């Protein structure tokens, strides 16, 4: 599997998890189900995945 495909699959998994978390929160008293939270979770995980990818590229070049 190439890096680009792995990157998008990982983001998709994070997105699905964020959606499932918001659906769960819908049924918890005192919690809210917000689309904005799904976006924030997905962007945060995407940023972290990008940082990990860049770190691995730098580490490989330094070896």
N, C-alpha and C. Protein backbone atom coordinates (compact mmCIF):
# COMPACT_ATOMS: atom_id res chain seq x y z
N UNK A 1 0.85 -1.17 0.00
CA UNK A 1 0.00 0.00 0.00
C UNK A 1 0.90 1.24 0.00
N UNK A 2 0.59 2.19 -0.85
CA UNK A 2 1.41 3.39 -0.90
C UNK A 2 1.00 4.36 0.22
N UNK A 3 1.85 5.33 0.46
CA UNK A 3 1.64 6.27 1.57
C UNK A 3 0.37 7.10 1.40
N UNK A 4 0.09 7.50 0.18
CA UNK A 4 -1.09 8.34 -0.07
C UNK A 4 -2.37 7.58 0.27
N UNK A 5 -2.44 6.33 -0.14
CA UNK A 5 -3.62 5.52 0.14
C UNK A 5 -3.76 5.26 1.64
N UNK A 6 -2.66 4.96 2.30
CA UNK A 6 -2.68 4.73 3.75
C UNK A 6 -3.11 5.99 4.49
N UNK A 7 -2.65 7.14 4.03
CA UNK A 7 -3.02 8.43 4.64
C UNK A 7 -4.53 8.64 4.58
N UNK A 8 -5.13 8.42 3.42
CA UNK A 8 -6.56 8.65 3.26
C UNK A 8 -7.40 7.59 3.99
N UNK A 9 -6.94 6.36 4.02
CA UNK A 9 -7.67 5.33 4.77
C UNK A 9 -7.67 5.64 6.26
N UNK A 10 -6.53 6.11 6.77
CA UNK A 10 -6.43 6.46 8.18
C UNK A 10 -7.34 7.63 8.51
N UNK A 11 -7.39 8.64 7.65
CA UNK A 11 -8.29 9.78 7.87
C UNK A 11 -9.74 9.32 7.83
N UNK A 12 -10.07 8.43 6.92
CA UNK A 12 -11.43 7.90 6.83
C UNK A 12 -11.82 7.17 8.12
N UNK A 13 -10.91 6.38 8.65
CA UNK A 13 -11.19 5.68 9.91
C UNK A 13 -11.41 6.68 11.04
N UNK A 14 -10.59 7.72 11.09
CA UNK A 14 -10.75 8.75 12.12
C UNK A 14 -12.09 9.47 11.97
N UNK A 15 -12.49 9.74 10.73
CA UNK A 15 -13.77 10.40 10.48
C UNK A 15 -14.94 9.53 10.94
N UNK A 16 -14.89 8.26 10.60
CA UNK A 16 -15.97 7.33 11.00
C UNK A 16 -16.04 7.24 12.53
N UNK A 17 -14.88 7.20 13.18
CA UNK A 17 -14.86 7.14 14.64
C UNK A 17 -15.45 8.43 15.23
N UNK A 18 -15.12 9.58 14.67
CA UNK A 18 -15.65 10.85 15.15
C UNK A 18 -17.17 10.90 14.99
N UNK A 19 -17.67 10.40 13.87
CA UNK A 19 -19.13 10.36 13.65
C UNK A 19 -19.79 9.44 14.68
N UNK A 20 -19.19 8.27 14.91
CA UNK A 20 -19.79 7.33 15.87
C UNK A 20 -19.76 7.91 17.28
N UNK A 21 -18.72 8.66 17.61
CA UNK A 21 -18.64 9.30 18.92
C UNK A 21 -19.75 10.35 19.08
N UNK A 22 -19.99 11.12 18.04
CA UNK A 22 -21.05 12.14 18.11
C UNK A 22 -22.43 11.49 18.19
N UNK A 23 -22.64 10.39 17.50
CA UNK A 23 -23.91 9.68 17.61
C UNK A 23 -24.10 9.16 19.03
N UNK A 24 -23.03 8.65 19.61
CA UNK A 24 -23.09 8.18 21.01
C UNK A 24 -23.44 9.34 21.94
N UNK A 25 -22.83 10.50 21.72
CA UNK A 25 -23.10 11.66 22.58
C UNK A 25 -24.54 12.13 22.47
N UNK A 26 -25.18 11.87 21.36
CA UNK A 26 -26.58 12.25 21.18
C UNK A 26 -27.48 11.59 22.23
N UNK A 27 -27.10 10.39 22.66
CA UNK A 27 -27.91 9.63 23.61
C UNK A 27 -27.48 9.83 25.06
N UNK A 28 -26.45 10.63 25.30
CA UNK A 28 -25.96 10.88 26.67
C UNK A 28 -26.54 12.20 27.15
N UNK A 29 -27.25 12.17 28.28
CA UNK A 29 -27.82 13.42 28.81
C UNK A 29 -26.72 14.45 29.11
N UNK A 30 -26.97 15.68 28.73
CA UNK A 30 -26.03 16.75 28.98
C UNK A 30 -24.95 16.90 27.91
N UNK A 31 -24.95 16.03 26.94
CA UNK A 31 -23.97 16.11 25.84
C UNK A 31 -24.69 16.49 24.56
N UNK A 32 -23.94 17.03 23.62
CA UNK A 32 -24.53 17.47 22.35
C UNK A 32 -23.88 16.74 21.19
N UNK A 33 -24.66 16.57 20.15
CA UNK A 33 -24.18 15.95 18.91
C UNK A 33 -23.99 17.08 17.89
N UNK A 34 -22.74 17.41 17.57
CA UNK A 34 -22.47 18.54 16.68
C UNK A 34 -21.60 18.11 15.51
N UNK A 35 -21.97 18.57 14.34
CA UNK A 35 -21.20 18.31 13.13
C UNK A 35 -19.84 19.01 13.22
N UNK A 36 -19.80 20.17 13.85
CA UNK A 36 -18.54 20.90 14.01
C UNK A 36 -17.51 20.07 14.78
N UNK A 37 -17.97 19.31 15.77
CA UNK A 37 -17.06 18.44 16.52
C UNK A 37 -16.46 17.35 15.64
N UNK A 38 -17.25 16.83 14.72
CA UNK A 38 -16.74 15.83 13.77
C UNK A 38 -15.65 16.46 12.92
N UNK A 39 -15.88 17.67 12.46
CA UNK A 39 -14.89 18.38 11.64
C UNK A 39 -13.61 18.64 12.44
N UNK A 40 -13.75 19.09 13.67
CA UNK A 40 -12.58 19.37 14.52
C UNK A 40 -11.80 18.09 14.78
N UNK A 41 -12.49 17.01 15.12
CA UNK A 41 -11.81 15.73 15.37
C UNK A 41 -11.08 15.23 14.12
N UNK A 42 -11.73 15.34 12.97
CA UNK A 42 -11.12 14.88 11.73
C UNK A 42 -9.92 15.72 11.34
N UNK A 43 -10.03 17.04 11.48
CA UNK A 43 -8.90 17.91 11.16
C UNK A 43 -7.74 17.68 12.13
N UNK A 44 -8.04 17.50 13.41
CA UNK A 44 -6.99 17.24 14.39
C UNK A 44 -6.26 15.95 14.11
N UNK A 45 -6.99 14.90 13.81
CA UNK A 45 -6.34 13.62 13.51
C UNK A 45 -5.58 13.70 12.18
N UNK A 46 -6.10 14.43 11.22
CA UNK A 46 -5.40 14.60 9.93
C UNK A 46 -4.08 15.33 10.14
N UNK A 47 -4.08 16.35 10.98
CA UNK A 47 -2.86 17.09 11.27
C UNK A 47 -1.83 16.18 11.92
N UNK A 48 -2.26 15.38 12.89
CA UNK A 48 -1.33 14.48 13.58
C UNK A 48 -0.77 13.43 12.61
N UNK A 49 -1.61 12.90 11.74
CA UNK A 49 -1.16 11.92 10.75
C UNK A 49 -0.13 12.56 9.83
N UNK A 50 -0.36 13.80 9.43
CA UNK A 50 0.58 14.51 8.58
C UNK A 50 1.91 14.72 9.30
N UNK A 51 1.87 15.09 10.56
CA UNK A 51 3.09 15.27 11.35
C UNK A 51 3.87 13.95 11.43
N UNK A 52 3.17 12.86 11.70
CA UNK A 52 3.83 11.55 11.77
C UNK A 52 4.44 11.17 10.43
N UNK A 53 3.74 11.45 9.35
CA UNK A 53 4.25 11.15 8.01
C UNK A 53 5.51 11.95 7.72
N UNK A 54 5.48 13.25 8.03
CA UNK A 54 6.65 14.09 7.79
C UNK A 54 7.82 13.67 8.67
N UNK A 55 7.54 13.31 9.91
CA UNK A 55 8.60 12.84 10.81
C UNK A 55 9.25 11.57 10.27
N UNK A 56 8.45 10.66 9.75
CA UNK A 56 9.02 9.42 9.21
C UNK A 56 9.86 9.70 7.97
N UNK A 57 9.44 10.66 7.15
CA UNK A 57 10.22 11.03 5.96
C UNK A 57 11.57 11.64 6.38
N UNK A 58 11.56 12.50 7.39
CA UNK A 58 12.80 13.13 7.87
C UNK A 58 13.72 12.08 8.49
N UNK A 59 13.14 11.16 9.25
CA UNK A 59 13.92 10.12 9.90
C UNK A 59 14.58 9.20 8.88
N UNK A 60 13.84 8.85 7.83
CA UNK A 60 14.38 7.98 6.78
C UNK A 60 15.54 8.68 6.05
N UNK A 61 15.40 9.98 5.77
CA UNK A 61 16.45 10.73 5.06
C UNK A 61 17.72 10.84 5.92
N UNK A 62 17.56 10.92 7.24
CA UNK A 62 18.72 11.09 8.10
C UNK A 62 19.49 9.78 8.33
N UNK A 63 18.91 8.67 7.99
CA UNK A 63 19.58 7.36 8.20
C UNK A 63 20.54 7.04 7.11
